[in-house]
Amino acid sequence: MAPRMKLTLCHLYPDLMDTYGDKGNILSIIYRCQKRSIEVKVEQITVGQNLKSNVYDLFFFGGGQDKAQEIVATDLAQKAQSLKESIDKGAALLSICGGYQLLQKYFKTQEGKQIEGIGLFDAYTLGSTERMIGNLLVQINPKIQTEISTVYPNSQPQLIGFENHSGKTFLSEGTEPLGTVLAGFGNNGQDKLEGAVYKNAFGCYLHGSLLPKNPHFADYLIAKALEHKSGNVDLAPLNDDIEWQAHKTAIQRTH
């Protein structure tokens, strides 16, 4: 009998950065792994706790309010080296909204206060008076979509989620976006780009939660995490009729 596959997931700052119920992404990962008899160990790491390098296969970092971001930013600076080392050695990461912003160079609030990020993504965010809220439909970056299709053969080329942010994110030249905006605002409501990518780390504004409605992207993250653990893997297909119905219904509500 082949040994049971395992992955270790680190939930960063769940007590401070879970304003919009993004924990549903972790529940989706666990569910999809359990259906395949893949063991998932979830560890929660918050302020004052040590983050070890090269222990975790997958990181999740959700959204939060400005005050929480200030608290987390100070602590995250102490964890930056370990987190970056893990990503550089192949670990996967999904960050959303506030978490996404703290992984950039900086976030400057409307009042002009600059919250320093750790620069994993070569990007920055500026606070604005415009609230960008509503369904967000994204055409996946073709490079990423090609990779997703090898993991999930019947994949769709789009991601659907719900955005709610006033910060406007701008990518530096050469930084790959997660995709382009088909409906909604995305990073800044101006350049039609959404999210950022660095190796197997992904940042975006897609709440919703994202992964339950986008099973192809969920499996892509799982595959990346397992590759980090033990090399290439083939994920057994699941019956995702309900997930795709949720995906299609959310898109219909976007138009």
C-alpha atoms as a PDB file:
ATOM      1  CA  MET A   1       0.000   0.000   0.000  1.00  0.00           C
ATOM      2  CA  ALA A   2       1.332   3.411  -0.971  1.00  0.00           C
ATOM      3  CA  PRO A   3       2.026   5.781   1.939  1.00  0.00           C
ATOM      4  CA  ARG A   4      -0.730   8.285   2.617  1.00  0.00           C
ATOM      5  CA  MET A   5      -0.048  11.743   1.212  1.00  0.00           C
ATOM      6  CA  LYS A   6       0.160  14.610   3.685  1.00  0.00           C
ATOM      7  CA  LEU A   7       0.436  18.371   3.558  1.00  0.00           C
ATOM      8  CA  THR A   8       0.960  20.947   6.288  1.00  0.00           C
ATOM      9  CA  LEU A   9      -0.968  24.226   6.054  1.00  0.00           C
ATOM     10  CA  CYS A  10      -0.127  27.389   7.971  1.00  0.00           C
ATOM     11  CA  HIS A  11      -2.996  29.811   8.663  1.00  0.00           C
ATOM     12  CA  LEU A  12      -1.371  33.184   9.288  1.00  0.00           C
ATOM     13  CA  TYR A  13      -2.983  35.504  11.865  1.00  0.00           C
ATOM     14  CA  PRO A  14      -6.454  33.879  11.926  1.00  0.00           C
ATOM     15  CA  ASP A  15      -7.442  35.947  14.973  1.00  0.00           C
ATOM     16  CA  LEU A  16      -6.682  39.285  13.293  1.00  0.00           C
ATOM     17  CA  MET A  17      -7.014  38.668   9.553  1.00  0.00           C
ATOM     18  CA  ASP A  18     -10.312  36.883   8.961  1.00  0.00           C
ATOM     19  CA  THR A  19     -12.738  39.789   8.635  1.00  0.00           C
ATOM     20  CA  TYR A  20     -14.580  38.462   5.611  1.00  0.00           C
ATOM     21  CA  GLY A  21     -14.862  34.768   6.373  1.00  0.00           C
ATOM     22  CA  ASP A  22     -11.916  33.795   4.226  1.00  0.00           C
ATOM     23  CA  LYS A  23     -11.416  30.772   6.473  1.00  0.00           C
ATOM     24  CA  GLY A  24     -13.756  29.032   4.014  1.00  0.00           C
ATOM     25  CA  ASN A  25     -10.742  28.637   1.755  1.00  0.00           C
ATOM     26  CA  ILE A  26      -9.056  26.443   4.342  1.00  0.00           C
ATOM     27  CA  LEU A  27     -12.232  24.410   4.786  1.00  0.00           C
ATOM     28  CA  SER A  28     -12.288  23.856   1.026  1.00  0.00           C
ATOM     29  CA  ILE A  29      -8.664  22.649   1.006  1.00  0.00           C
ATOM     30  CA  ILE A  30      -9.366  20.257   3.874  1.00  0.00           C
ATOM     31  CA  TYR A  31     -12.550  18.928   2.240  1.00  0.00           C
ATOM     32  CA  ARG A  32     -10.922  18.326  -1.134  1.00  0.00           C
ATOM     33  CA  CYS A  33      -7.942  16.615   0.461  1.00  0.00           C
ATOM     34  CA  GLN A  34     -10.094  14.409   2.699  1.00  0.00           C
ATOM     35  CA  LYS A  35     -12.026  13.216  -0.355  1.00  0.00           C
ATOM     36  CA  ARG A  36      -8.706  11.946  -1.687  1.00  0.00           C
ATOM     37  CA  SER A  37      -7.428  10.530   1.620  1.00  0.00           C
ATOM     38  CA  ILE A  38      -4.791  13.255   1.811  1.00  0.00           C
ATOM     39  CA  GLU A  39      -3.977  14.176   5.382  1.00  0.00           C
ATOM     40  CA  VAL A  40      -3.991  17.911   6.157  1.00  0.00           C
ATOM     41  CA  LYS A  41      -2.370  19.349   9.262  1.00  0.00           C
ATOM     42  CA  VAL A  42      -3.416  22.953   9.946  1.00  0.00           C
ATOM     43  CA  GLU A  43      -1.350  25.145  12.249  1.00  0.00           C
ATOM     44  CA  GLN A  44      -2.339  28.666  13.247  1.00  0.00           C
ATOM     45  CA  ILE A  45       0.458  31.206  13.639  1.00  0.00           C
ATOM     46  CA  THR A  46      -0.211  34.674  15.038  1.00  0.00           C
ATOM     47  CA  VAL A  47       1.514  37.606  16.757  1.00  0.00           C
ATOM     48  CA  GLY A  48       4.450  36.611  18.917  1.00  0.00           C
ATOM     49  CA  GLN A  49       4.713  33.057  17.642  1.00  0.00           C
ATOM     50  CA  ASN A  50       7.734  31.742  15.789  1.00  0.00           C
ATOM     51  CA  LEU A  51       7.400  30.876  12.096  1.00  0.00           C
ATOM     52  CA  LYS A  52       9.835  28.140  11.165  1.00  0.00           C
ATOM     53  CA  SER A  53      11.317  27.892   7.678  1.00  0.00           C
ATOM     54  CA  ASN A  54      10.579  24.963   5.378  1.00  0.00           C
ATOM     55  CA  VAL A  55       7.957  23.343   7.609  1.00  0.00           C
ATOM     56  CA  TYR A  56       4.806  24.314   5.728  1.00  0.00           C
ATOM     57  CA  ASP A  57       3.662  23.299   2.264  1.00  0.00           C
ATOM     58  CA  LEU A  58       0.861  25.856   1.970  1.00  0.00           C
ATOM     59  CA  PHE A  59       0.194  29.222   3.618  1.00  0.00           C
ATOM     60  CA  PHE A  60      -3.089  31.107   3.877  1.00  0.00           C
ATOM     61  CA  PHE A  61      -3.289  34.799   4.789  1.00  0.00           C
ATOM     62  CA  GLY A  62      -6.733  36.434   4.889  1.00  0.00           C
ATOM     63  CA  GLY A  63      -8.071  39.977   5.005  1.00  0.00           C
ATOM     64  CA  GLY A  64      -8.449  42.451   7.858  1.00  0.00           C
ATOM     65  CA  GLN A  65      -9.048  46.080   8.783  1.00  0.00           C
ATOM     66  CA  ASP A  66      -6.365  48.795   8.741  1.00  0.00           C
ATOM     67  CA  LYS A  67      -5.823  48.659  12.518  1.00  0.00           C
ATOM     68  CA  ALA A  68      -5.299  44.902  12.436  1.00  0.00           C
ATOM     69  CA  GLN A  69      -2.932  45.315   9.500  1.00  0.00           C
ATOM     70  CA  GLU A  70      -0.781  47.711  11.527  1.00  0.00           C
ATOM     71  CA  ILE A  71      -0.485  45.167  14.349  1.00  0.00           C
ATOM     72  CA  VAL A  72       0.258  42.324  11.967  1.00  0.00           C
ATOM     73  CA  ALA A  73       2.756  44.320   9.894  1.00  0.00           C
ATOM     74  CA  THR A  74       5.066  44.832  12.863  1.00  0.00           C
ATOM     75  CA  ASP A  75       5.019  41.136  13.711  1.00  0.00           C
ATOM     76  CA  LEU A  76       5.203  39.947  10.099  1.00  0.00           C
ATOM     77  CA  ALA A  77       8.508  41.749   9.678  1.00  0.00           C
ATOM     78  CA  GLN A  78       9.960  39.296  12.196  1.00  0.00           C
ATOM     79  CA  LYS A  79       8.618  36.363  10.186  1.00  0.00           C
ATOM     80  CA  ALA A  80       9.532  37.710   6.745  1.00  0.00           C
ATOM     81  CA  GLN A  81      12.782  35.809   6.272  1.00  0.00           C
ATOM     82  CA  SER A  82      11.260  32.437   7.176  1.00  0.00           C
ATOM     83  CA  LEU A  83       8.215  33.016   4.985  1.00  0.00           C
ATOM     84  CA  LYS A  84      10.279  34.127   2.001  1.00  0.00           C
ATOM     85  CA  GLU A  85      12.630  31.168   2.374  1.00  0.00           C
ATOM     86  CA  SER A  86       9.677  28.791   2.358  1.00  0.00           C
ATOM     87  CA  ILE A  87       8.215  30.347  -0.795  1.00  0.00           C
ATOM     88  CA  ASP A  88      11.591  30.389  -2.545  1.00  0.00           C
ATOM     89  CA  LYS A  89      11.885  26.654  -1.843  1.00  0.00           C
ATOM     90  CA  GLY A  90       8.523  25.881  -3.448  1.00  0.00           C
ATOM     91  CA  ALA A  91       5.829  26.254  -0.788  1.00  0.00           C
ATOM     92  CA  ALA A  92       2.480  27.606  -2.021  1.00  0.00           C
ATOM     93  CA  LEU A  93       0.619  30.615  -0.619  1.00  0.00           C
ATOM     94  CA  LEU A  94      -2.783  32.210  -1.062  1.00  0.00           C
ATOM     95  CA  SER A  95      -3.289  35.721   0.320  1.00  0.00           C
ATOM     96  CA  ILE A  96      -6.413  37.825   0.075  1.00  0.00           C
ATOM     97  CA  CYS A  97      -7.044  41.559   0.452  1.00  0.00           C
ATOM     98  CA  GLY A  98      -5.291  42.736   3.654  1.00  0.00           C
ATOM     99  CA  GLY A  99      -2.959  39.743   3.656  1.00  0.00           C
ATOM    100  CA  TYR A 100      -2.155  40.405   0.009  1.00  0.00           C
ATOM    101  CA  GLN A 101      -1.339  44.037   0.815  1.00  0.00           C
ATOM    102  CA  LEU A 102       1.012  43.161   3.682  1.00  0.00           C
ATOM    103  CA  LEU A 103       3.002  40.903   1.373  1.00  0.00           C
ATOM    104  CA  GLN A 104       3.683  43.876  -0.905  1.00  0.00           C
ATOM    105  CA  LYS A 105       6.264  46.629  -0.375  1.00  0.00           C
ATOM    106  CA  TYR A 106       3.913  48.923   1.541  1.00  0.00           C
ATOM    107  CA  PHE A 107       0.340  50.093   2.055  1.00  0.00           C
ATOM    108  CA  LYS A 108      -0.206  53.846   2.397  1.00  0.00           C
ATOM    109  CA  THR A 109      -3.501  54.703   4.093  1.00  0.00           C
ATOM    110  CA  GLN A 110      -5.835  57.516   3.065  1.00  0.00           C
ATOM    111  CA  GLU A 111      -4.397  59.547   5.946  1.00  0.00           C
ATOM    112  CA  GLY A 112      -0.891  59.119   4.551  1.00  0.00           C
ATOM    113  CA  LYS A 113       0.375  56.616   7.099  1.00  0.00           C
ATOM    114  CA  GLN A 114       2.649  54.032   5.493  1.00  0.00           C
ATOM    115  CA  ILE A 115       2.372  50.441   6.690  1.00  0.00           C
ATOM    116  CA  GLU A 116       5.459  48.547   5.626  1.00  0.00           C
ATOM    117  CA  GLY A 117       5.045  45.161   3.943  1.00  0.00           C
ATOM    118  CA  ILE A 118       7.651  42.453   3.440  1.00  0.00           C
ATOM    119  CA  GLY A 119       8.032  42.821  -0.334  1.00  0.00           C
ATOM    120  CA  LEU A 120       7.244  39.258  -1.353  1.00  0.00           C
ATOM    121  CA  PHE A 121       5.200  40.775  -4.179  1.00  0.00           C
ATOM    122  CA  ASP A 122       6.817  43.644  -6.072  1.00  0.00           C
ATOM    123  CA  ALA A 123       3.788  45.888  -5.697  1.00  0.00           C
ATOM    124  CA  TYR A 124       2.324  48.589  -3.426  1.00  0.00           C
ATOM    125  CA  THR A 125      -1.110  49.787  -2.333  1.00  0.00           C
ATOM    126  CA  LEU A 126      -2.498  53.291  -1.887  1.00  0.00           C
ATOM    127  CA  GLY A 127      -5.590  53.985   0.197  1.00  0.00           C
ATOM    128  CA  SER A 128      -8.391  55.816  -1.596  1.00  0.00           C
ATOM    129  CA  THR A 129     -11.859  57.246  -0.942  1.00  0.00           C
ATOM    130  CA  GLU A 130     -13.367  54.906  -3.534  1.00  0.00           C
ATOM    131  CA  ARG A 131     -14.921  51.694  -2.210  1.00  0.00           C
ATOM    132  CA  MET A 132     -14.445  48.932  -4.765  1.00  0.00           C
ATOM    133  CA  ILE A 133     -17.117  46.413  -3.931  1.00  0.00           C
ATOM    134  CA  GLY A 134     -19.047  43.754  -5.847  1.00  0.00           C
ATOM    135  CA  ASN A 135     -18.543  40.557  -7.793  1.00  0.00           C
ATOM    136  CA  LEU A 136     -15.155  40.267  -9.457  1.00  0.00           C
ATOM    137  CA  LEU A 137     -14.653  38.105 -12.542  1.00  0.00           C
ATOM    138  CA  VAL A 138     -11.089  37.434 -13.645  1.00  0.00           C
ATOM    139  CA  GLN A 139      -9.570  35.829 -16.728  1.00  0.00           C
ATOM    140  CA  ILE A 140      -6.704  33.744 -15.390  1.00  0.00           C
ATOM    141  CA  ASN A 141      -3.172  34.597 -16.490  1.00  0.00           C
ATOM    142  CA  PRO A 142      -2.554  32.234 -19.466  1.00  0.00           C
ATOM    143  CA  LYS A 143       0.698  30.905 -17.960  1.00  0.00           C
ATOM    144  CA  ILE A 144      -1.114  29.905 -14.786  1.00  0.00           C
ATOM    145  CA  GLN A 145      -4.115  28.559 -16.651  1.00  0.00           C
ATOM    146  CA  THR A 146      -1.854  26.246 -18.633  1.00  0.00           C
ATOM    147  CA  GLU A 147      -0.482  24.850 -15.370  1.00  0.00           C
ATOM    148  CA  ILE A 148      -3.963  24.554 -13.847  1.00  0.00           C
ATOM    149  CA  SER A 149      -5.133  22.533 -16.844  1.00  0.00           C
ATOM    150  CA  THR A 150      -2.465  19.901 -16.211  1.00  0.00           C
ATOM    151  CA  VAL A 151      -3.856  19.438 -12.689  1.00  0.00           C
ATOM    152  CA  TYR A 152      -7.546  19.899 -13.497  1.00  0.00           C
ATOM    153  CA  PRO A 153      -8.145  18.870 -17.135  1.00  0.00           C
ATOM    154  CA  ASN A 154     -11.718  20.206 -17.353  1.00  0.00           C
ATOM    155  CA  SER A 155     -10.690  23.565 -15.989  1.00  0.00           C
ATOM    156  CA  GLN A 156     -12.325  26.900 -16.744  1.00  0.00           C
ATOM    157  CA  PRO A 157     -10.190  29.953 -17.600  1.00  0.00           C
ATOM    158  CA  GLN A 158     -11.876  32.252 -15.087  1.00  0.00           C
ATOM    159  CA  LEU A 159     -12.023  32.939 -11.352  1.00  0.00           C
ATOM    160  CA  ILE A 160     -15.053  34.457  -9.629  1.00  0.00           C
ATOM    161  CA  GLY A 161     -15.119  36.117  -6.229  1.00  0.00           C
ATOM    162  CA  PHE A 162     -16.344  39.145  -4.295  1.00  0.00           C
ATOM    163  CA  GLU A 163     -14.165  42.181  -3.722  1.00  0.00           C
ATOM    164  CA  ASN A 164     -14.505  44.790  -0.973  1.00  0.00           C
ATOM    165  CA  HIS A 165     -11.550  47.153  -0.662  1.00  0.00           C
ATOM    166  CA  SER A 166     -10.582  50.810  -0.913  1.00  0.00           C
ATOM    167  CA  GLY A 167      -6.867  50.225  -1.327  1.00  0.00           C
ATOM    168  CA  LYS A 168      -5.592  50.438  -4.883  1.00  0.00           C
ATOM    169  CA  THR A 169      -2.754  48.073  -5.730  1.00  0.00           C
ATOM    170  CA  PHE A 170      -0.192  48.742  -8.433  1.00  0.00           C
ATOM    171  CA  LEU A 171       2.238  46.125  -9.747  1.00  0.00           C
ATOM    172  CA  SER A 172       5.833  46.996 -10.548  1.00  0.00           C
ATOM    173  CA  GLU A 173       7.043  46.288 -14.061  1.00  0.00           C
ATOM    174  CA  GLY A 174       7.714  42.601 -14.506  1.00  0.00           C
ATOM    175  CA  THR A 175       5.356  41.440 -11.749  1.00  0.00           C
ATOM    176  CA  GLU A 176       2.902  38.888 -13.075  1.00  0.00           C
ATOM    177  CA  PRO A 177      -0.800  39.422 -12.301  1.00  0.00           C
ATOM    178  CA  LEU A 178      -3.081  36.569 -11.327  1.00  0.00           C
ATOM    179  CA  GLY A 179      -5.286  37.611 -14.228  1.00  0.00           C
ATOM    180  CA  THR A 180      -7.166  40.370 -16.029  1.00  0.00           C
ATOM    181  CA  VAL A 181     -10.487  41.863 -14.952  1.00  0.00           C
ATOM    182  CA  LEU A 182     -13.580  40.977 -16.985  1.00  0.00           C
ATOM    183  CA  ALA A 183     -16.045  42.517 -14.523  1.00  0.00           C
ATOM    184  CA  GLY A 184     -15.381  44.484 -11.353  1.00  0.00           C
ATOM    185  CA  PHE A 185     -12.401  46.556 -10.245  1.00  0.00           C
ATOM    186  CA  GLY A 186      -9.498  44.248  -9.441  1.00  0.00           C
ATOM    187  CA  ASN A 187      -6.214  45.676  -8.173  1.00  0.00           C
ATOM    188  CA  ASN A 188      -7.069  49.317  -8.726  1.00  0.00           C
ATOM    189  CA  GLY A 189     -10.029  49.777 -11.076  1.00  0.00           C
ATOM    190  CA  GLN A 190      -7.759  51.322 -13.704  1.00  0.00           C
ATOM    191  CA  ASP A 191      -5.359  48.925 -15.408  1.00  0.00           C
ATOM    192  CA  LYS A 192      -7.667  45.859 -15.534  1.00  0.00           C
ATOM    193  CA  LEU A 193      -5.182  43.712 -13.626  1.00  0.00           C
ATOM    194  CA  GLU A 194      -6.027  41.561 -10.631  1.00  0.00           C
ATOM    195  CA  GLY A 195      -3.716  39.996  -8.085  1.00  0.00           C
ATOM    196  CA  ALA A 196      -0.009  39.261  -8.141  1.00  0.00           C
ATOM    197  CA  VAL A 197       2.117  36.144  -8.497  1.00  0.00           C
ATOM    198  CA  TYR A 198       5.562  35.257  -7.180  1.00  0.00           C
ATOM    199  CA  LYS A 199       6.620  31.635  -7.749  1.00  0.00           C
ATOM    200  CA  ASN A 200       3.851  29.588  -6.056  1.00  0.00           C
ATOM    201  CA  ALA A 201       2.574  32.559  -4.032  1.00  0.00           C
ATOM    202  CA  PHE A 202      -0.650  34.271  -5.083  1.00  0.00           C
ATOM    203  CA  GLY A 203      -2.270  37.466  -3.857  1.00  0.00           C
ATOM    204  CA  CYS A 204      -5.707  38.770  -4.843  1.00  0.00           C
ATOM    205  CA  TYR A 205      -8.863  40.633  -3.773  1.00  0.00           C
ATOM    206  CA  LEU A 206     -11.150  37.637  -4.328  1.00  0.00           C
ATOM    207  CA  HIS A 207     -13.217  37.037  -1.215  1.00  0.00           C
ATOM    208  CA  GLY A 208     -16.258  34.836  -1.481  1.00  0.00           C
ATOM    209  CA  SER A 209     -14.753  32.494  -0.262  1.00  0.00           C
ATOM    210  CA  LEU A 210     -12.651  32.011  -3.372  1.00  0.00           C
ATOM    211  CA  LEU A 211     -11.813  28.304  -3.404  1.00  0.00           C
ATOM    212  CA  PRO A 212     -15.243  26.686  -2.857  1.00  0.00           C
ATOM    213  CA  LYS A 213     -16.477  28.374  -6.055  1.00  0.00           C
ATOM    214  CA  ASN A 214     -13.269  27.785  -7.996  1.00  0.00           C
ATOM    215  CA  PRO A 215     -12.371  24.094  -7.584  1.00  0.00           C
ATOM    216  CA  HIS A 216      -9.773  24.211 -10.365  1.00  0.00           C
ATOM    217  CA  PHE A 217      -7.746  26.813  -8.468  1.00  0.00           C
ATOM    218  CA  ALA A 218      -8.202  24.928  -5.193  1.00  0.00           C
ATOM    219  CA  ASP A 219      -6.763  21.778  -6.736  1.00  0.00           C
ATOM    220  CA  TYR A 220      -3.933  23.773  -8.278  1.00  0.00           C
ATOM    221  CA  LEU A 221      -2.897  25.027  -4.835  1.00  0.00           C
ATOM    222  CA  ILE A 222      -3.200  21.533  -3.373  1.00  0.00           C
ATOM    223  CA  ALA A 223      -1.032  20.129  -6.177  1.00  0.00           C
ATOM    224  CA  LYS A 224       1.603  22.826  -5.643  1.00  0.00           C
ATOM    225  CA  ALA A 225       1.642  22.098  -1.911  1.00  0.00           C
ATOM    226  CA  LEU A 226       2.008  18.364  -2.478  1.00  0.00           C
ATOM    227  CA  GLU A 227       4.763  18.915  -5.027  1.00  0.00           C
ATOM    228  CA  HIS A 228       6.631  20.860  -2.380  1.00  0.00           C
ATOM    229  CA  LYS A 229       6.177  17.952   0.001  1.00  0.00           C
ATOM    230  CA  SER A 230       6.950  14.986  -2.226  1.00  0.00           C
ATOM    231  CA  GLY A 231       7.304  15.877  -5.898  1.00  0.00           C
ATOM    232  CA  ASN A 232       4.794  15.654  -8.741  1.00  0.00           C
ATOM    233  CA  VAL A 233       1.387  14.187  -7.924  1.00  0.00           C
ATOM    234  CA  ASP A 234      -1.764  13.281  -9.815  1.00  0.00           C
ATOM    235  CA  LEU A 235      -4.949  14.324  -8.040  1.00  0.00           C
ATOM    236  CA  ALA A 236      -7.916  11.998  -8.431  1.00  0.00           C
ATOM    237  CA  PRO A 237     -10.859  13.892  -9.968  1.00  0.00           C
ATOM    238  CA  LEU A 238     -13.803  14.791  -7.745  1.00  0.00           C
ATOM    239  CA  ASN A 239     -17.468  15.308  -8.552  1.00  0.00           C
ATOM    240  CA  ASP A 240     -17.585  19.101  -8.631  1.00  0.00           C
ATOM    241  CA  ASP A 241     -21.088  19.596 -10.047  1.00  0.00           C
ATOM    242  CA  ILE A 242     -22.164  21.702  -7.064  1.00  0.00           C
ATOM    243  CA  GLU A 243     -18.959  23.735  -7.067  1.00  0.00           C
ATOM    244  CA  TRP A 244     -19.308  24.554 -10.760  1.00  0.00           C
ATOM    245  CA  GLN A 245     -22.952  25.473 -10.294  1.00  0.00           C
ATOM    246  CA  ALA A 246     -21.887  27.937  -7.602  1.00  0.00           C
ATOM    247  CA  HIS A 247     -19.186  29.229  -9.953  1.00  0.00           C
ATOM    248  CA  LYS A 248     -21.648  29.755 -12.825  1.00  0.00           C
ATOM    249  CA  THR A 249     -24.344  31.289 -10.615  1.00  0.00           C
ATOM    250  CA  ALA A 250     -21.885  33.814  -9.184  1.00  0.00           C
ATOM    251  CA  ILE A 251     -20.783  34.778 -12.702  1.00  0.00           C
ATOM    252  CA  GLN A 252     -24.392  35.228 -13.787  1.00  0.00           C
ATOM    253  CA  ARG A 253     -24.926  37.621 -10.888  1.00  0.00           C
ATOM    254  CA  THR A 254     -21.918  39.622 -12.010  1.00  0.00           C
ATOM    255  CA  HIS A 255     -23.396  40.748 -15.308  1.00  0.00           C
END
